[in-house]
Amino acid sequence: MKNFDWKFSIRINILMLRLVGLWPEGDEIYKLNFYTLYSVISIVVFTTAHNFFQTVHIFMVYSDLEALAAAIFVTLTDLLAQMKIFYFTHNMSILKGLMIKLNCEMFLPKRESQRMLVRPSLSFWKMTYTMFWMPVGTTLFLWAIFPVLDGSVKQHRLPFAAWYPYDAKISPFYEITYFHQVISILLMATANLNMDMLIAALMVYIGAQCDLLCDDLRNLQEVNFNSALLDSIEHHKNIVIFAQSCNTFFEMIVLGQFFTSSVSIAVAMFQLTLVAPLSSECYSLLFYVGSITVQIFLYCWFGNEVEIKQHHLPFAAWYPFDEQMSPLFEITYIHQVLSSWVLAITTLNMDMLIVALMVYTGAQCDILCDDLRNLRDSEKSCFNVKLVHSIVHHNRIVNFAENCNKFFNLLVLAQFFVSAVSIAVAMFKLTLVEPFSSECYSTLFYVGTITMEIFLYCWFGNEVEIK
């Protein structure tokens, strides 16, 4: 259907990206023109400058936990937006290539029934786009006016804590800075939301192509069967290439989103315990948490839709053998079970060895404390010798602890990051499986195991800190 345009459904999305400087006209990429200059001004003067002033403020208040918590959750989101803007503009040629490929004849619906087939997915995307604006818009509005609502505007309080190389509390610098912060956060939020929704749209397009391919295969006729089958095979290859290009375009964006969102939600929930209940700041935090949660949900939901539609294909994947046939099925099954057991036993024992090192460090602290407590019972001639011995012991404990840290610091960092993402994805998976089924129970025990894994590091690390 020559008059069908995939971009028509996301025209508002594209318009908003163009307004914030992230969508060169048509199928072009950034060139030496006025729009590129506008984009640079939008990104540097507002986004980059705002993030810089907020980041400097964090380094100035890092010793104050409450002030740090108040600043860091917003700054993390803003820095993520900056990172997403960088990768978005850096991969603009890939994105524009995908948009061109979408409207090639192979990817277009071939008849009215296929047009109706893809309409529900596109309509759901439009509804999600509208719904996503609600918590984001409310959060932005509350952030912009909460100094007015709580009366702190009289003390010249800004919406966001930041450092400036001038006194931002005197007029007209206060009003200019207030306006700059509001415009900056509006631009970043608009860019963030529309980049997320464009990535979701790419996932919708992949799912829609799977629907079209399935429909073509269901309607293969004896007439021109071979040519139609070859066209379908070619279509499938192009869908795979399109999906791989999409993954190249947004893989770093999604990685950053999951990591930063997990930390931001945790810090924002902590910040909720510090603000006055039912205040404008409290409501802005609640809507912020809601917005970040929806942001993660978008990637999970639309990514899962692609996965489901992929499995509807008659040839979902290629294997070097047919694993559904005996004895290959049994061999593959046993291989998977043994592999899982080996990995689980290895991971468990590495974790427990790291915990043992923490216990040893704590035990050495106990022994040193006992030696120091018993110094007063020593004779004067032995006191100095034992004190020197205790000092040497303390130095060796510090060296031992530092070596332990060198051994497992990257392991612990990876554990916390992967566990946070795994728990989030596993909890989402729980919404898809049948309640009280074996898969449901296995997922619950998996979440419990991962939680226990994190708890081990926290508990025994805290024991060392206390001792």
Protein backbone atom coordinates (compact mmCIF):
# COMPACT_ATOMS: atom_id res chain seq x y z
CA MET A 1 0.00 0.00 0.00
CA LYS A 2 1.96 2.92 -1.38
CA ASN A 3 0.06 5.59 0.60
CA PHE A 4 0.91 4.04 3.99
CA ASP A 5 3.53 5.90 6.08
CA TRP A 6 4.88 4.35 9.29
CA LYS A 7 6.10 7.76 10.50
CA PHE A 8 2.59 9.23 10.39
CA SER A 9 1.68 7.48 13.66
CA ILE A 10 4.64 9.05 15.48
CA ARG A 11 4.44 12.51 13.88
CA ILE A 12 3.87 14.25 17.27
CA ASN A 13 6.85 12.36 18.69
CA ILE A 14 9.03 13.52 15.78
CA LEU A 15 7.73 17.10 16.09
CA MET A 16 8.67 17.24 19.80
CA LEU A 17 12.14 15.86 19.06
CA ARG A 18 12.53 18.51 16.36
CA LEU A 19 11.54 21.25 18.82
CA VAL A 20 14.29 20.24 21.27
CA GLY A 21 16.91 19.99 18.52
CA LEU A 22 17.06 16.21 18.12
CA TRP A 23 15.50 15.66 14.70
CA PRO A 24 17.06 17.18 11.54
CA GLU A 25 14.51 17.78 8.80
CA GLY A 26 13.33 14.87 6.66
CA ASP A 27 15.79 12.03 6.22
CA GLU A 28 18.83 14.26 6.73
CA ILE A 29 21.42 14.05 9.51
CA TYR A 30 23.13 17.00 11.22
CA LYS A 31 24.82 19.37 8.76
CA LEU A 32 26.38 22.85 8.94
CA ASN A 33 23.10 24.78 8.99
CA PHE A 34 20.90 26.89 11.28
CA TYR A 35 19.10 23.84 12.75
CA THR A 36 22.41 22.32 13.90
CA LEU A 37 23.30 25.68 15.50
CA TYR A 38 19.89 25.69 17.22
CA SER A 39 20.52 22.13 18.46
CA VAL A 40 23.94 23.05 19.85
CA ILE A 41 22.50 26.06 21.70
CA SER A 42 19.62 23.98 23.07
CA ILE A 43 21.92 21.20 24.28
CA VAL A 44 24.89 23.25 25.54
CA VAL A 45 23.24 26.38 26.98
CA PHE A 46 20.41 24.56 28.72
CA THR A 47 21.04 20.82 29.11
CA THR A 48 24.82 20.72 29.57
CA ALA A 49 25.07 23.94 31.60
CA HIS A 50 22.26 22.88 33.96
CA ASN A 51 23.86 19.45 34.51
CA PHE A 52 27.27 21.02 35.12
CA PHE A 53 25.98 23.39 37.83
CA GLN A 54 24.05 20.55 39.54
CA THR A 55 27.05 18.20 39.43
CA VAL A 56 29.36 20.81 41.00
CA HIS A 57 26.77 21.28 43.76
CA ILE A 58 26.90 17.53 44.55
CA PHE A 59 30.67 17.71 45.10
CA MET A 60 30.14 20.65 47.46
CA VAL A 61 27.53 18.88 49.66
CA TYR A 62 28.65 15.22 49.45
CA SER A 63 29.34 15.11 53.20
CA ASP A 64 25.72 16.09 54.01
CA LEU A 65 23.55 12.98 53.42
CA GLU A 66 20.22 14.83 53.28
CA ALA A 67 21.49 17.52 50.90
CA LEU A 68 23.19 14.85 48.78
CA ALA A 69 20.00 12.76 48.55
CA ALA A 70 17.96 15.86 47.64
CA ALA A 71 20.30 16.68 44.77
CA ILE A 72 21.53 13.37 43.44
CA PHE A 73 18.31 11.66 42.30
CA VAL A 74 17.40 14.54 39.96
CA THR A 75 21.00 15.01 38.82
CA LEU A 76 21.31 11.30 37.96
CA THR A 77 18.22 11.52 35.76
CA ASP A 78 19.51 14.70 34.11
CA LEU A 79 22.94 13.18 33.46
CA LEU A 80 21.23 10.11 31.99
CA ALA A 81 19.24 12.41 29.70
CA GLN A 82 22.53 14.02 28.63
CA MET A 83 24.02 10.60 27.91
CA LYS A 84 20.92 9.56 25.95
CA ILE A 85 21.04 12.78 23.91
CA PHE A 86 24.70 12.07 23.08
CA TYR A 87 24.04 8.52 21.86
CA PHE A 88 20.83 9.62 20.11
CA THR A 89 22.63 12.31 18.08
CA HIS A 90 25.75 10.17 17.61
CA ASN A 91 23.64 7.37 16.06
CA MET A 92 21.37 9.70 14.07
CA SER A 93 22.54 8.22 10.75
CA ILE A 94 21.45 4.74 11.93
CA LEU A 95 18.07 6.08 13.05
CA LYS A 96 17.39 7.93 9.79
CA GLY A 97 18.44 4.81 7.87
CA LEU A 98 15.88 2.80 9.85
CA MET A 99 13.16 5.35 9.05
CA ILE A 100 13.99 5.12 5.33
CA LYS A 101 13.99 1.31 5.42
CA LEU A 102 10.61 1.25 7.19
CA ASN A 103 8.90 2.85 4.20
CA CYS A 104 10.44 0.54 1.60
CA GLU A 105 7.94 -1.64 -0.27
CA MET A 106 8.87 -4.85 1.59
CA PHE A 107 7.97 -3.38 5.00
CA LEU A 108 4.63 -1.83 3.97
CA PRO A 109 1.24 -3.55 4.47
CA LYS A 110 0.23 -5.21 1.18
CA ARG A 111 -3.55 -5.06 1.65
CA GLU A 112 -6.22 -3.44 3.80
CA SER A 113 -6.43 -6.48 6.12
CA GLN A 114 -2.74 -6.09 6.96
CA ARG A 115 -3.27 -2.39 7.60
CA MET A 116 -5.98 -3.31 10.10
CA LEU A 117 -3.64 -5.93 11.59
CA VAL A 118 -1.00 -3.39 12.63
CA ARG A 119 -3.43 -0.64 13.68
CA PRO A 120 -3.99 -1.92 17.30
CA SER A 121 -0.23 -1.84 18.04
CA LEU A 122 0.12 1.69 16.68
CA SER A 123 -2.99 2.84 18.57
CA PHE A 124 -1.64 1.37 21.81
CA TRP A 125 1.63 3.24 21.27
CA LYS A 126 -0.29 6.51 20.79
CA MET A 127 -2.29 5.90 23.98
CA THR A 128 0.90 5.10 25.93
CA TYR A 129 2.53 8.28 24.61
CA THR A 130 -0.40 10.38 25.85
CA MET A 131 -0.54 8.59 29.22
CA PHE A 132 3.22 8.94 29.74
CA TRP A 133 2.94 12.72 29.43
CA MET A 134 0.59 12.87 32.44
CA PRO A 135 3.02 11.94 35.28
CA VAL A 136 5.91 13.69 33.49
CA GLY A 137 3.92 16.90 32.96
CA THR A 138 2.65 16.87 36.55
CA THR A 139 6.18 16.34 37.90
CA LEU A 140 7.53 19.22 35.81
CA PHE A 141 4.70 21.53 36.89
CA LEU A 142 5.20 20.76 40.60
CA TRP A 143 8.98 21.12 40.34
CA ALA A 144 8.59 24.48 38.62
CA ILE A 145 6.17 25.97 41.18
CA PHE A 146 6.89 24.26 44.51
CA PRO A 147 9.06 27.20 45.75
CA VAL A 148 5.97 29.37 45.14
CA LEU A 149 3.59 26.91 46.80
CA ASP A 150 5.63 26.46 49.99
CA GLY A 151 6.56 30.14 50.22
CA SER A 152 10.31 29.52 49.91
CA VAL A 153 10.38 31.78 46.84
CA LYS A 154 10.51 34.65 49.35
CA GLN A 155 13.92 33.34 50.46
CA HIS A 156 14.86 33.14 46.76
CA ARG A 157 14.91 29.34 46.72
CA LEU A 158 15.41 27.75 43.30
CA PRO A 159 13.53 24.66 42.08
CA PHE A 160 16.81 22.69 42.00
CA ALA A 161 19.86 22.98 44.23
CA ALA A 162 22.86 23.98 42.11
CA TRP A 163 26.13 25.89 42.33
CA TYR A 164 26.57 29.06 40.28
CA PRO A 165 29.61 31.33 39.84
CA TYR A 166 27.47 34.28 40.97
CA ASP A 167 25.01 35.05 43.77
CA ALA A 168 21.78 33.49 42.48
CA LYS A 169 19.73 34.88 45.38
CA ILE A 170 19.75 38.52 44.28
CA SER A 171 17.63 40.08 41.51
CA PRO A 172 17.71 39.89 38.54
CA PHE A 173 20.06 36.87 38.73
CA TYR A 174 17.50 34.91 40.78
CA GLU A 175 14.71 35.36 38.21
CA ILE A 176 17.05 34.58 35.28
CA THR A 177 18.41 31.45 37.02
CA TYR A 178 14.89 30.31 37.98
CA PHE A 179 13.77 30.68 34.34
CA HIS A 180 16.93 28.87 33.09
CA GLN A 181 16.32 25.91 35.45
CA VAL A 182 12.66 25.57 34.43
CA ILE A 183 13.45 25.75 30.69
CA SER A 184 16.38 23.33 31.09
CA ILE A 185 14.37 20.68 32.94
CA LEU A 186 11.49 21.10 30.47
CA LEU A 187 13.82 20.54 27.51
CA MET A 188 15.50 17.52 29.15
CA ALA A 189 12.21 15.92 30.18
CA THR A 190 10.72 16.47 26.71
CA ALA A 191 13.84 15.04 25.06
CA ASN A 192 13.95 12.11 27.51
CA LEU A 193 10.29 11.19 27.10
CA ASN A 194 10.31 11.44 23.31
CA MET A 195 13.55 9.48 22.94
CA ASP A 196 12.03 6.72 25.10
CA MET A 197 8.82 6.71 23.08
CA LEU A 198 10.72 6.64 19.78
CA ILE A 199 12.63 3.58 20.98
CA ALA A 200 9.28 2.05 22.00
CA ALA A 201 7.97 2.88 18.51
CA LEU A 202 10.91 1.02 16.93
CA MET A 203 9.98 -2.02 19.03
CA VAL A 204 6.35 -1.65 17.87
CA TYR A 205 7.54 -1.55 14.25
CA ILE A 206 9.56 -4.76 14.71
CA GLY A 207 6.51 -6.47 16.25
CA ALA A 208 4.29 -5.16 13.43
CA GLN A 209 6.69 -6.57 10.82
CA CYS A 210 6.47 -9.96 12.56
CA ASP A 211 2.66 -9.70 12.35
CA LEU A 212 2.84 -8.88 8.63
CA LEU A 213 5.23 -11.76 7.96
CA CYS A 214 3.01 -14.22 9.86
CA ASP A 215 0.02 -13.02 7.82
CA ASP A 216 1.94 -13.49 4.56
CA LEU A 217 2.89 -17.04 5.57
CA ARG A 218 -0.66 -17.90 6.59
CA ASN A 219 -1.91 -16.73 3.20
CA LEU A 220 0.58 -18.51 0.94
CA GLN A 221 -1.26 -19.78 -2.15
CA GLU A 222 -0.34 -22.51 -4.63
CA VAL A 223 -0.16 -19.86 -7.32
CA ASN A 224 3.29 -18.19 -7.14
CA PHE A 225 4.02 -20.21 -3.98
CA ASN A 226 7.79 -20.35 -4.52
CA SER A 227 8.22 -16.65 -5.27
CA ALA A 228 5.96 -15.68 -2.32
CA LEU A 229 7.92 -17.98 0.01
CA LEU A 230 11.22 -16.49 -1.17
CA ASP A 231 9.81 -13.00 -0.57
CA SER A 232 8.83 -14.03 2.97
CA ILE A 233 12.30 -15.43 3.65
CA GLU A 234 13.82 -12.18 2.37
CA HIS A 235 11.36 -10.22 4.53
CA HIS A 236 12.41 -12.25 7.58
CA LYS A 237 16.10 -11.57 6.91
CA ASN A 238 15.39 -7.86 6.62
CA ILE A 239 13.39 -7.87 9.87
CA VAL A 240 16.38 -9.47 11.65
CA ILE A 241 18.75 -6.86 10.15
CA PHE A 242 16.32 -4.06 11.11
CA ALA A 243 16.09 -5.40 14.69
CA GLN A 244 19.89 -5.65 14.95
CA SER A 245 20.25 -2.05 13.72
CA CYS A 246 17.65 -0.93 16.29
CA ASN A 247 19.62 -2.72 19.00
CA THR A 248 22.84 -1.01 17.88
CA PHE A 249 21.03 2.33 18.01
CA PHE A 250 19.59 2.08 21.53
CA GLU A 251 21.52 -0.62 23.46
CA MET A 252 23.62 1.87 25.47
CA ILE A 253 20.58 4.06 26.10
CA VAL A 254 18.60 1.15 27.55
CA LEU A 255 21.56 -0.03 29.66
CA GLY A 256 21.97 3.45 31.15
CA GLN A 257 18.22 3.75 31.68
CA PHE A 258 17.90 0.56 33.74
CA PHE A 259 20.95 1.26 35.90
CA THR A 260 20.20 4.95 36.57
CA SER A 261 16.46 4.42 37.09
CA SER A 262 17.07 1.76 39.74
CA VAL A 263 19.38 4.09 41.70
CA SER A 264 17.13 7.16 41.18
CA ILE A 265 14.03 5.36 42.48
CA ALA A 266 15.94 4.18 45.57
CA VAL A 267 17.28 7.67 46.35
CA ALA A 268 13.90 9.32 45.64
CA MET A 269 12.15 6.91 48.03
CA PHE A 270 14.74 7.79 50.68
CA GLN A 271 14.15 11.50 49.98
CA LEU A 272 10.41 10.92 50.55
CA THR A 273 11.19 10.04 54.17
CA LEU A 274 12.80 13.47 54.66
CA VAL A 275 10.16 15.82 53.21
CA ALA A 276 6.91 16.96 54.84
CA PRO A 277 3.97 14.62 54.00
CA LEU A 278 1.37 16.04 51.58
CA SER A 279 3.68 18.95 50.67
CA SER A 280 4.21 20.01 47.04
CA GLU A 281 7.73 18.54 47.24
CA CYS A 282 6.28 15.23 48.45
CA TYR A 283 3.81 15.10 45.54
CA SER A 284 6.53 16.03 43.04
CA LEU A 285 8.66 13.13 44.35
CA LEU A 286 5.74 10.70 44.08
CA PHE A 287 5.04 11.72 40.48
CA TYR A 288 8.78 11.54 39.74
CA VAL A 289 8.92 7.93 41.01
CA GLY A 290 5.82 7.17 38.93
CA SER A 291 7.44 8.67 35.81
CA ILE A 292 10.66 6.67 36.25
CA THR A 293 8.67 3.47 36.87
CA VAL A 294 6.66 4.04 33.68
CA GLN A 295 9.93 4.70 31.85
CA ILE A 296 11.29 1.27 32.84
CA PHE A 297 7.89 -0.33 32.13
CA LEU A 298 7.97 1.00 28.55
CA TYR A 299 11.14 -0.88 27.68
CA CYS A 300 9.96 -4.06 29.42
CA TRP A 301 6.46 -4.02 27.89
CA PHE A 302 7.32 -3.19 24.29
CA GLY A 303 10.44 -5.39 24.37
CA ASN A 304 8.32 -8.28 25.63
CA GLU A 305 5.76 -7.65 22.86
CA VAL A 306 8.52 -8.09 20.28
CA GLU A 307 9.62 -11.32 21.99
CA ILE A 308 6.06 -12.70 21.97
CA LYS A 309 5.46 -11.82 18.32
CA GLN A 310 8.81 -13.30 17.35
CA HIS A 311 7.68 -16.64 18.79
CA HIS A 312 4.57 -16.52 16.61
CA LEU A 313 6.78 -16.97 13.56
CA PRO A 314 6.81 -20.52 12.16
CA PHE A 315 10.64 -20.38 12.08
CA ALA A 316 11.51 -18.46 15.24
CA ALA A 317 15.23 -19.29 15.28
CA TRP A 318 17.96 -21.36 13.64
CA TYR A 319 19.75 -24.16 15.49
CA PRO A 320 22.63 -26.39 14.39
CA PHE A 321 20.27 -29.31 15.15
CA ASP A 322 16.57 -29.89 15.85
CA GLU A 323 16.51 -29.81 19.65
CA GLN A 324 12.85 -30.96 19.70
CA MET A 325 13.76 -34.46 18.49
CA SER A 326 15.06 -37.39 20.57
CA PRO A 327 17.78 -37.91 21.70
CA LEU A 328 18.87 -34.31 21.01
CA PHE A 329 16.09 -32.95 23.23
CA GLU A 330 17.19 -35.06 26.20
CA ILE A 331 20.88 -34.19 25.67
CA THR A 332 20.10 -30.46 25.45
CA TYR A 333 17.85 -30.67 28.53
CA ILE A 334 20.56 -32.39 30.60
CA HIS A 335 23.18 -29.92 29.33
CA GLN A 336 21.04 -26.96 30.44
CA VAL A 337 20.37 -28.45 33.88
CA LEU A 338 24.04 -29.30 34.48
CA SER A 339 25.16 -25.88 33.23
CA SER A 340 22.72 -24.15 35.59
CA TRP A 341 23.92 -26.27 38.52
CA VAL A 342 27.60 -25.58 37.79
CA LEU A 343 26.98 -21.84 37.43
CA ALA A 344 24.85 -21.69 40.60
CA ILE A 345 27.36 -23.67 42.70
CA THR A 346 30.26 -21.57 41.37
CA THR A 347 28.45 -18.28 42.07
CA LEU A 348 27.31 -19.37 45.55
CA ASN A 349 30.78 -20.48 46.62
CA MET A 350 32.49 -17.36 45.23
CA ASP A 351 29.99 -15.23 47.16
CA MET A 352 30.54 -17.20 50.36
CA LEU A 353 34.34 -17.00 49.95
CA ILE A 354 34.07 -13.19 49.69
CA VAL A 355 31.84 -13.23 52.80
CA ALA A 356 34.45 -15.38 54.57
CA LEU A 357 37.12 -12.77 53.79
CA MET A 358 34.87 -10.14 55.38
CA VAL A 359 34.39 -12.39 58.43
CA TYR A 360 38.17 -12.86 58.71
CA THR A 361 38.67 -9.08 58.59
CA GLY A 362 36.07 -8.64 61.34
CA ALA A 363 37.63 -11.44 63.41
CA GLN A 364 41.04 -9.76 63.20
CA CYS A 365 39.43 -6.54 64.47
CA ASP A 366 37.99 -8.52 67.43
CA ILE A 367 41.41 -10.03 68.23
CA LEU A 368 43.08 -6.61 68.02
CA CYS A 369 40.44 -5.08 70.31
CA ASP A 370 40.99 -7.88 72.82
CA ASP A 371 44.77 -7.31 72.74
CA LEU A 372 44.26 -3.57 73.34
CA ARG A 373 41.83 -4.18 76.21
CA ASN A 374 44.41 -6.41 77.92
CA LEU A 375 47.30 -3.96 77.57
CA ARG A 376 46.62 -2.51 81.03
CA ASP A 377 47.22 -5.93 82.61
CA SER A 378 50.74 -6.06 81.19
CA GLU A 379 53.87 -5.18 83.09
CA LYS A 380 55.51 -1.87 82.16
CA SER A 381 58.39 -3.63 80.44
CA CYS A 382 55.96 -5.56 78.20
CA PHE A 383 53.50 -2.70 77.60
CA ASN A 384 55.50 -0.95 74.88
CA VAL A 385 56.30 -4.21 73.10
CA LYS A 386 52.63 -5.27 73.08
CA LEU A 387 51.51 -1.81 71.95
CA VAL A 388 53.96 -1.88 69.03
CA HIS A 389 52.77 -5.40 68.23
CA SER A 390 49.15 -4.17 68.20
CA ILE A 391 50.04 -1.26 65.89
CA VAL A 392 51.80 -3.66 63.50
CA HIS A 393 48.77 -5.98 63.72
CA HIS A 394 46.46 -3.05 62.86
CA ASN A 395 48.58 -2.11 59.83
CA ARG A 396 48.47 -5.70 58.60
CA ILE A 397 44.69 -5.82 59.06
CA VAL A 398 44.39 -2.66 56.94
CA ASN A 399 46.65 -4.19 54.26
CA PHE A 400 44.65 -7.43 54.37
CA ALA A 401 41.37 -5.50 53.99
CA GLU A 402 42.77 -3.45 51.09
CA ASN A 403 43.92 -6.62 49.30
CA CYS A 404 40.51 -8.19 49.88
CA ASN A 405 38.90 -5.09 48.39
CA LYS A 406 41.18 -5.26 45.34
CA PHE A 407 40.22 -8.90 44.91
CA PHE A 408 36.43 -8.48 45.00
CA ASN A 409 35.53 -4.80 44.37
CA LEU A 410 34.60 -5.36 40.69
CA LEU A 411 32.77 -8.57 41.59
CA VAL A 412 30.64 -6.74 44.17
CA LEU A 413 29.98 -3.82 41.80
CA ALA A 414 28.80 -6.21 39.08
CA GLN A 415 26.74 -8.16 41.62
CA PHE A 416 24.81 -5.09 42.78
CA PHE A 417 24.18 -3.83 39.23
CA VAL A 418 23.14 -7.18 37.73
CA SER A 419 21.06 -8.13 40.80
CA ALA A 420 19.10 -4.85 40.68
CA VAL A 421 18.27 -5.36 36.99
CA SER A 422 17.55 -9.10 37.46
CA ILE A 423 15.11 -8.48 40.31
CA ALA A 424 13.31 -5.79 38.29
CA VAL A 425 12.97 -8.06 35.23
CA ALA A 426 12.01 -11.11 37.34
CA MET A 427 9.26 -9.12 39.10
CA PHE A 428 7.98 -8.05 35.68
CA LYS A 429 8.06 -11.69 34.52
CA LEU A 430 5.91 -12.63 37.52
CA THR A 431 3.10 -10.57 35.99
CA LEU A 432 3.23 -12.75 32.85
CA VAL A 433 3.25 -16.28 34.32
CA GLU A 434 0.27 -18.15 35.72
CA PRO A 435 -0.14 -17.72 39.52
CA PHE A 436 0.82 -20.76 41.66
CA SER A 437 2.44 -22.49 38.67
CA SER A 438 5.88 -24.11 38.91
CA GLU A 439 7.30 -21.24 36.83
CA CYS A 440 5.76 -18.74 39.27
CA TYR A 441 7.34 -20.48 42.28
CA SER A 442 10.72 -20.83 40.54
CA THR A 443 10.72 -17.08 39.76
CA LEU A 444 9.79 -16.24 43.38
CA PHE A 445 12.62 -18.41 44.73
CA TYR A 446 14.98 -16.84 42.17
CA VAL A 447 14.06 -13.33 43.43
CA GLY A 448 14.55 -14.54 47.01
CA THR A 449 17.96 -16.00 46.15
CA ILE A 450 19.17 -12.81 44.44
CA THR A 451 17.89 -10.71 47.36
CA MET A 452 19.77 -12.98 49.79
CA GLU A 453 22.89 -12.61 47.64
CA ILE A 454 22.77 -8.80 47.96
CA PHE A 455 21.92 -9.09 51.68
CA LEU A 456 25.07 -11.18 52.30
CA TYR A 457 27.37 -8.45 51.00
CA CYS A 458 25.48 -5.72 52.87
CA TRP A 459 25.30 -7.62 56.20
CA PHE A 460 28.87 -8.87 56.41
CA GLY A 461 30.28 -5.65 54.94
CA ASN A 462 28.39 -3.72 57.63
CA GLU A 463 29.76 -6.09 60.31
CA VAL A 464 33.31 -5.21 59.23
CA GLU A 465 32.41 -1.50 59.29
CA ILE A 466 30.99 -1.80 62.83
CA LYS A 467 33.99 -3.73 64.13
